[in-house]
């Protein structure tokens, strides 16, 4: 999964949940353990506190692992 694909998947999930999607967006790919699956961590409104959508997506499968919204 590319960075753009991860952001697109996160944006679709936010729309599905009815959460606002604000720029700027931050996307990081990381692995919790050396042998574990890679996960994309995508956050909207990344440089502000509040109005943040945070979504974790498995890199290989595209499965949403966690999704949340912080209104303020």
PDB file of N, CA and C in Angstrom:
ATOM      1  N   UNK A   1       0.861  -1.176   0.000  1.00  0.00           N
ATOM      2  CA  UNK A   1       0.000   0.000   0.000  1.00  0.00           C
ATOM      3  C   UNK A   1       0.903   1.232   0.000  1.00  0.00           C
ATOM      4  N   UNK A   2       0.585   2.169  -0.854  1.00  0.00           N
ATOM      5  CA  UNK A   2       1.348   3.416  -0.903  1.00  0.00           C
ATOM      6  C   UNK A   2       0.773   4.406   0.110  1.00  0.00           C
ATOM      7  N   UNK A   3       1.508   5.482   0.318  1.00  0.00           N
ATOM      8  CA  UNK A   3       1.052   6.542   1.226  1.00  0.00           C
ATOM      9  C   UNK A   3      -0.283   7.107   0.742  1.00  0.00           C
ATOM     10  N   UNK A   4      -0.400   7.344  -0.554  1.00  0.00           N
ATOM     11  CA  UNK A   4      -1.619   7.912  -1.117  1.00  0.00           C
ATOM     12  C   UNK A   4      -2.808   6.967  -0.949  1.00  0.00           C
ATOM     13  N   UNK A   5      -2.572   5.671  -1.121  1.00  0.00           N
ATOM     14  CA  UNK A   5      -3.638   4.683  -0.919  1.00  0.00           C
ATOM     15  C   UNK A   5      -4.093   4.646   0.532  1.00  0.00           C
ATOM     16  N   UNK A   6      -3.144   4.751   1.451  1.00  0.00           N
ATOM     17  CA  UNK A   6      -3.491   4.759   2.879  1.00  0.00           C
ATOM     18  C   UNK A   6      -4.319   5.995   3.225  1.00  0.00           C
ATOM     19  N   UNK A   7      -3.924   7.130   2.708  1.00  0.00           N
ATOM     20  CA  UNK A   7      -4.675   8.365   2.965  1.00  0.00           C
ATOM     21  C   UNK A   7      -6.074   8.260   2.365  1.00  0.00           C
ATOM     22  N   UNK A   8      -6.186   7.730   1.156  1.00  0.00           N
ATOM     23  CA  UNK A   8      -7.493   7.554   0.524  1.00  0.00           C
ATOM     24  C   UNK A   8      -8.396   6.636   1.332  1.00  0.00           C
ATOM     25  N   UNK A   9      -7.844   5.527   1.820  1.00  0.00           N
ATOM     26  CA  UNK A   9      -8.631   4.586   2.634  1.00  0.00           C
ATOM     27  C   UNK A   9      -9.081   5.244   3.935  1.00  0.00           C
ATOM     28  N   UNK A  10      -8.199   6.022   4.544  1.00  0.00           N
ATOM     29  CA  UNK A  10      -8.547   6.715   5.788  1.00  0.00           C
ATOM     30  C   UNK A  10      -9.632   7.762   5.535  1.00  0.00           C
ATOM     31  N   UNK A  11      -9.525   8.482   4.438  1.00  0.00           N
ATOM     32  CA  UNK A  11     -10.527   9.497   4.116  1.00  0.00           C
ATOM     33  C   UNK A  11     -11.891   8.859   3.861  1.00  0.00           C
ATOM     34  N   UNK A  12     -11.916   7.738   3.169  1.00  0.00           N
ATOM     35  CA  UNK A  12     -13.185   7.034   2.930  1.00  0.00           C
ATOM     36  C   UNK A  12     -13.808   6.562   4.242  1.00  0.00           C
ATOM     37  N   UNK A  13     -12.984   6.066   5.168  1.00  0.00           N
ATOM     38  CA  UNK A  13     -13.498   5.625   6.468  1.00  0.00           C
ATOM     39  C   UNK A  13     -14.063   6.811   7.253  1.00  0.00           C
ATOM     40  N   UNK A  14     -13.372   7.950   7.210  1.00  0.00           N
ATOM     41  CA  UNK A  14     -13.860   9.150   7.898  1.00  0.00           C
ATOM     42  C   UNK A  14     -15.208   9.585   7.328  1.00  0.00           C
ATOM     43  N   UNK A  15     -15.340   9.572   6.016  1.00  0.00           N
ATOM     44  CA  UNK A  15     -16.606   9.936   5.374  1.00  0.00           C
ATOM     45  C   UNK A  15     -17.712   8.964   5.772  1.00  0.00           C
ATOM     46  N   UNK A  16     -17.379   7.680   5.793  1.00  0.00           N
ATOM     47  CA  UNK A  16     -18.340   6.645   6.185  1.00  0.00           C
ATOM     48  C   UNK A  16     -18.854   6.875   7.614  1.00  0.00           C
ATOM     49  N   UNK A  17     -17.944   7.329   8.505  1.00  0.00           N
ATOM     50  CA  UNK A  17     -18.309   7.577   9.907  1.00  0.00           C
ATOM     51  C   UNK A  17     -18.955   8.952  10.113  1.00  0.00           C
ATOM     52  N   UNK A  18     -18.892   9.816   9.098  1.00  0.00           N
ATOM     53  CA  UNK A  18     -19.450  11.156   9.220  1.00  0.00           C
ATOM     54  C   UNK A  18     -18.524  12.135   9.926  1.00  0.00           C
ATOM     55  N   UNK A  19     -17.222  11.830   9.947  1.00  0.00           N
ATOM     56  CA  UNK A  19     -16.241  12.692  10.593  1.00  0.00           C
ATOM     57  C   UNK A  19     -15.672  13.686   9.589  1.00  0.00           C
ATOM     58  N   UNK A  20     -15.394  14.928  10.014  1.00  0.00           N
ATOM     59  CA  UNK A  20     -14.804  15.906   9.088  1.00  0.00           C
ATOM     60  C   UNK A  20     -13.357  15.538   8.761  1.00  0.00           C
ATOM     61  N   UNK A  21     -12.953  15.790   7.540  1.00  0.00           N
ATOM     62  CA  UNK A  21     -11.589  15.496   7.087  1.00  0.00           C
ATOM     63  C   UNK A  21     -10.919  16.819   6.762  1.00  0.00           C
ATOM     64  N   UNK A  22      -9.971  17.233   7.602  1.00  0.00           N
ATOM     65  CA  UNK A  22      -9.295  18.519   7.434  1.00  0.00           C
ATOM     66  C   UNK A  22      -7.820  18.320   7.120  1.00  0.00           C
ATOM     67  N   UNK A  23      -7.272  19.226   6.334  1.00  0.00           N
ATOM     68  CA  UNK A  23      -5.836  19.236   6.024  1.00  0.00           C
ATOM     69  C   UNK A  23      -5.119  20.007   7.130  1.00  0.00           C
ATOM     70  N   UNK A  24      -3.857  19.784   7.351  1.00  0.00           N
ATOM     71  CA  UNK A  24      -2.959  18.857   6.678  1.00  0.00           C
ATOM     72  C   UNK A  24      -3.124  17.429   7.197  1.00  0.00           C
ATOM     73  N   UNK A  25      -2.693  16.500   6.372  1.00  0.00           N
ATOM     74  CA  UNK A  25      -2.785  15.080   6.712  1.00  0.00           C
ATOM     75  C   UNK A  25      -1.376  14.533   6.906  1.00  0.00           C
ATOM     76  N   UNK A  26      -1.209  13.728   7.935  1.00  0.00           N
ATOM     77  CA  UNK A  26       0.070  13.075   8.201  1.00  0.00           C
ATOM     78  C   UNK A  26      -0.125  11.566   8.072  1.00  0.00           C
ATOM     79  N   UNK A  27       0.783  10.893   7.389  1.00  0.00           N
ATOM     80  CA  UNK A  27       0.703   9.438   7.232  1.00  0.00           C
ATOM     81  C   UNK A  27       2.088   8.849   7.469  1.00  0.00           C
ATOM     82  N   UNK A  28       2.152   7.891   8.395  1.00  0.00           N
ATOM     83  CA  UNK A  28       3.417   7.227   8.707  1.00  0.00           C
ATOM     84  C   UNK A  28       3.220   5.719   8.667  1.00  0.00           C
ATOM     85  N   UNK A  29       4.181   5.022   8.120  1.00  0.00           N
ATOM     86  CA  UNK A  29       4.168   3.562   8.088  1.00  0.00           C
ATOM     87  C   UNK A  29       5.160   3.076   9.125  1.00  0.00           C
ATOM     88  N   UNK A  30       4.714   2.187  10.005  1.00  0.00           N
ATOM     89  CA  UNK A  30       5.614   1.678  11.031  1.00  0.00           C
ATOM     90  C   UNK A  30       5.265   0.234  11.361  1.00  0.00           C
ATOM     91  N   UNK A  31       6.158  -0.375  12.097  1.00  0.00           N
ATOM     92  CA  UNK A  31       5.999  -1.744  12.563  1.00  0.00           C
ATOM     93  C   UNK A  31       6.154  -1.736  14.069  1.00  0.00           C
ATOM     94  N   UNK A  32       5.205  -2.329  14.774  1.00  0.00           N
ATOM     95  CA  UNK A  32       5.296  -2.335  16.226  1.00  0.00           C
ATOM     96  C   UNK A  32       6.456  -3.212  16.695  1.00  0.00           C
ATOM     97  N   UNK A  33       6.574  -4.361  16.105  1.00  0.00           N
ATOM     98  CA  UNK A  33       7.673  -5.284  16.404  1.00  0.00           C
ATOM     99  C   UNK A  33       8.365  -5.613  15.098  1.00  0.00           C
ATOM    100  N   UNK A  34       9.579  -6.092  15.171  1.00  0.00           N
ATOM    101  CA  UNK A  34      10.329  -6.404  13.958  1.00  0.00           C
ATOM    102  C   UNK A  34       9.638  -7.432  13.079  1.00  0.00           C
ATOM    103  N   UNK A  35       8.900  -8.355  13.682  1.00  0.00           N
ATOM    104  CA  UNK A  35       8.253  -9.399  12.892  1.00  0.00           C
ATOM    105  C   UNK A  35       6.758  -9.155  12.683  1.00  0.00           C
ATOM    106  N   UNK A  36       6.214  -8.112  13.269  1.00  0.00           N
ATOM    107  CA  UNK A  36       4.782  -7.837  13.151  1.00  0.00           C
ATOM    108  C   UNK A  36       4.419  -7.177  11.838  1.00  0.00           C
ATOM    109  N   UNK A  37       3.125  -7.061  11.578  1.00  0.00           N
ATOM    110  CA  UNK A  37       2.680  -6.425  10.326  1.00  0.00           C
ATOM    111  C   UNK A  37       2.925  -4.916  10.349  1.00  0.00           C
ATOM    112  N   UNK A  38       3.217  -4.368   9.187  1.00  0.00           N
ATOM    113  CA  UNK A  38       3.373  -2.921   9.065  1.00  0.00           C
ATOM    114  C   UNK A  38       1.986  -2.283   9.084  1.00  0.00           C
ATOM    115  N   UNK A  39       1.903  -1.113   9.711  1.00  0.00           N
ATOM    116  CA  UNK A  39       0.636  -0.400   9.859  1.00  0.00           C
ATOM    117  C   UNK A  39       0.837   1.058   9.453  1.00  0.00           C
ATOM    118  N   UNK A  40      -0.124   1.567   8.684  1.00  0.00           N
ATOM    119  CA  UNK A  40      -0.154   2.997   8.363  1.00  0.00           C
ATOM    120  C   UNK A  40      -0.941   3.713   9.446  1.00  0.00           C
ATOM    121  N   UNK A  41      -0.387   4.799   9.957  1.00  0.00           N
ATOM    122  CA  UNK A  41      -1.077   5.649  10.925  1.00  0.00           C
ATOM    123  C   UNK A  41      -1.358   6.972  10.214  1.00  0.00           C
ATOM    124  N   UNK A  42      -2.637   7.246  10.001  1.00  0.00           N
ATOM    125  CA  UNK A  42      -3.036   8.432   9.248  1.00  0.00           C
ATOM    126  C   UNK A  42      -3.818   9.357  10.182  1.00  0.00           C
ATOM    127  N   UNK A  43      -3.466  10.635  10.165  1.00  0.00           N
ATOM    128  CA  UNK A  43      -4.148  11.626  11.007  1.00  0.00           C
ATOM    129  C   UNK A  43      -4.497  12.848  10.167  1.00  0.00           C
ATOM    130  N   UNK A  44      -5.740  13.304  10.287  1.00  0.00           N
ATOM    131  CA  UNK A  44      -6.145  14.545   9.616  1.00  0.00           C
ATOM    132  C   UNK A  44      -5.989  15.701  10.600  1.00  0.00           C
ATOM    133  N   UNK A  45      -5.947  16.910  10.062  1.00  0.00           N
ATOM    134  CA  UNK A  45      -5.776  18.108  10.886  1.00  0.00           C
ATOM    135  C   UNK A  45      -4.584  17.898  11.822  1.00  0.00           C
ATOM    136  N   UNK A  46      -3.505  17.370  11.259  1.00  0.00           N
ATOM    137  CA  UNK A  46      -2.381  16.834  12.025  1.00  0.00           C
ATOM    138  C   UNK A  46      -1.630  17.847  12.876  1.00  0.00           C
ATOM    139  N   UNK A  47      -1.653  19.097  12.521  1.00  0.00           N
ATOM    140  CA  UNK A  47      -0.869  20.074  13.280  1.00  0.00           C
ATOM    141  C   UNK A  47      -1.713  20.845  14.291  1.00  0.00           C
ATOM    142  N   UNK A  48      -2.914  20.361  14.565  1.00  0.00           N
ATOM    143  CA  UNK A  48      -3.808  21.030  15.510  1.00  0.00           C
ATOM    144  C   UNK A  48      -4.335  20.047  16.531  1.00  0.00           C
ATOM    145  N   UNK A  49      -4.759  20.573  17.653  1.00  0.00           N
ATOM    146  CA  UNK A  49      -5.410  19.742  18.660  1.00  0.00           C
ATOM    147  C   UNK A  49      -6.907  19.870  18.473  1.00  0.00           C
ATOM    148  N   UNK A  50      -7.570  18.738  18.374  1.00  0.00           N
ATOM    149  CA  UNK A  50      -9.008  18.727  18.142  1.00  0.00           C
ATOM    150  C   UNK A  50      -9.336  18.630  16.663  1.00  0.00           C
ATOM    151  N   UNK A  51     -10.536  18.129  16.390  1.00  0.00           N
ATOM    152  CA  UNK A  51     -10.997  17.924  15.017  1.00  0.00           C
ATOM    153  C   UNK A  51     -10.051  16.978  14.267  1.00  0.00           C
ATOM    154  N   UNK A  52      -9.512  15.978  14.980  1.00  0.00           N
ATOM    155  CA  UNK A  52      -8.560  15.032  14.388  1.00  0.00           C
ATOM    156  C   UNK A  52      -9.215  13.683  14.142  1.00  0.00           C
ATOM    157  N   UNK A  53      -9.015  13.162  12.947  1.00  0.00           N
ATOM    158  CA  UNK A  53      -9.368  11.783  12.621  1.00  0.00           C
ATOM    159  C   UNK A  53      -8.066  11.003  12.662  1.00  0.00           C
ATOM    160  N   UNK A  54      -8.052   9.885  13.391  1.00  0.00           N
ATOM    161  CA  UNK A  54      -6.862   9.036  13.463  1.00  0.00           C
ATOM    162  C   UNK A  54      -7.268   7.619  13.087  1.00  0.00           C
ATOM    163  N   UNK A  55      -6.600   7.096  12.064  1.00  0.00           N
ATOM    164  CA  UNK A  55      -6.954   5.779  11.550  1.00  0.00           C
ATOM    165  C   UNK A  55      -5.683   4.965  11.347  1.00  0.00           C
ATOM    166  N   UNK A  56      -5.717   3.709  11.795  1.00  0.00           N
ATOM    167  CA  UNK A  56      -4.609   2.775  11.610  1.00  0.00           C
ATOM    168  C   UNK A  56      -5.055   1.713  10.613  1.00  0.00           C
ATOM    169  N   UNK A  57      -4.217   1.459   9.610  1.00  0.00           N
ATOM    170  CA  UNK A  57      -4.555   0.550   8.516  1.00  0.00           C
ATOM    171  C   UNK A  57      -3.417  -0.448   8.331  1.00  0.00           C
ATOM    172  N   UNK A  58      -3.758  -1.745   8.272  1.00  0.00           N
ATOM    173  CA  UNK A  58      -2.736  -2.757   7.981  1.00  0.00           C
ATOM    174  C   UNK A  58      -2.224  -2.547   6.561  1.00  0.00           C
ATOM    175  N   UNK A  59      -0.912  -2.525   6.412  1.00  0.00           N
ATOM    176  CA  UNK A  59      -0.304  -2.240   5.115  1.00  0.00           C
ATOM    177  C   UNK A  59      -0.635  -3.292   4.060  1.00  0.00           C
ATOM    178  N   UNK A  60      -0.500  -4.552   4.392  1.00  0.00           N
ATOM    179  CA  UNK A  60      -0.679  -5.604   3.382  1.00  0.00           C
ATOM    180  C   UNK A  60      -2.133  -5.849   3.008  1.00  0.00           C
ATOM    181  N   UNK A  61      -3.045  -5.756   3.971  1.00  0.00           N
ATOM    182  CA  UNK A  61      -4.442  -6.107   3.712  1.00  0.00           C
ATOM    183  C   UNK A  61      -5.345  -4.899   3.475  1.00  0.00           C
ATOM    184  N   UNK A  62      -4.937  -3.727   3.959  1.00  0.00           N
ATOM    185  CA  UNK A  62      -5.794  -2.547   3.851  1.00  0.00           C
ATOM    186  C   UNK A  62      -6.903  -2.529   4.889  1.00  0.00           C
ATOM    187  N   UNK A  63      -6.856  -3.460   5.849  1.00  0.00           N
ATOM    188  CA  UNK A  63      -7.881  -3.547   6.897  1.00  0.00           C
ATOM    189  C   UNK A  63      -7.711  -2.400   7.896  1.00  0.00           C
ATOM    190  N   UNK A  64      -8.833  -1.775   8.260  1.00  0.00           N
ATOM    191  CA  UNK A  64      -8.824  -0.730   9.274  1.00  0.00           C
ATOM    192  C   UNK A  64      -8.677  -1.408  10.633  1.00  0.00           C
ATOM    193  N   UNK A  65      -7.587  -1.117  11.336  1.00  0.00           N
ATOM    194  CA  UNK A  65      -7.342  -1.722  12.655  1.00  0.00           C
ATOM    195  C   UNK A  65      -8.006  -0.900  13.759  1.00  0.00           C
ATOM    196  N   UNK A  66      -7.891   0.405  13.643  1.00  0.00           N
ATOM    197  CA  UNK A  66      -8.456   1.325  14.628  1.00  0.00           C
ATOM    198  C   UNK A  66      -8.877   2.590  13.923  1.00  0.00           C
ATOM    199  N   UNK A  67      -9.940   3.191  14.416  1.00  0.00           N
ATOM    200  CA  UNK A  67     -10.389   4.471  13.864  1.00  0.00           C
ATOM    201  C   UNK A  67     -11.009   5.280  14.980  1.00  0.00           C
ATOM    202  N   UNK A  68     -10.687   6.549  15.024  1.00  0.00           N
ATOM    203  CA  UNK A  68     -11.249   7.399  16.061  1.00  0.00           C
ATOM    204  C   UNK A  68     -11.269   8.847  15.636  1.00  0.00           C
ATOM    205  N   UNK A  69     -12.066   9.610  16.354  1.00  0.00           N
ATOM    206  CA  UNK A  69     -12.216  11.033  16.074  1.00  0.00           C
ATOM    207  C   UNK A  69     -12.182  11.796  17.389  1.00  0.00           C
ATOM    208  N   UNK A  70     -11.388  12.857  17.430  1.00  0.00           N
ATOM    209  CA  UNK A  70     -11.304  13.724  18.597  1.00  0.00           C
ATOM    210  C   UNK A  70     -11.926  15.068  18.221  1.00  0.00           C
ATOM    211  N   UNK A  71     -13.143  15.346  18.728  1.00  0.00           N
ATOM    212  CA  UNK A  71     -13.805  16.594  18.327  1.00  0.00           C
ATOM    213  C   UNK A  71     -13.105  17.860  18.852  1.00  0.00           C
ATOM    214  N   UNK A  72     -12.594  17.815  20.072  1.00  0.00           N
ATOM    215  CA  UNK A  72     -11.900  18.976  20.643  1.00  0.00           C
ATOM    216  C   UNK A  72     -11.064  18.560  21.784  1.00  0.00           C
TER     217      UNK A  72
END
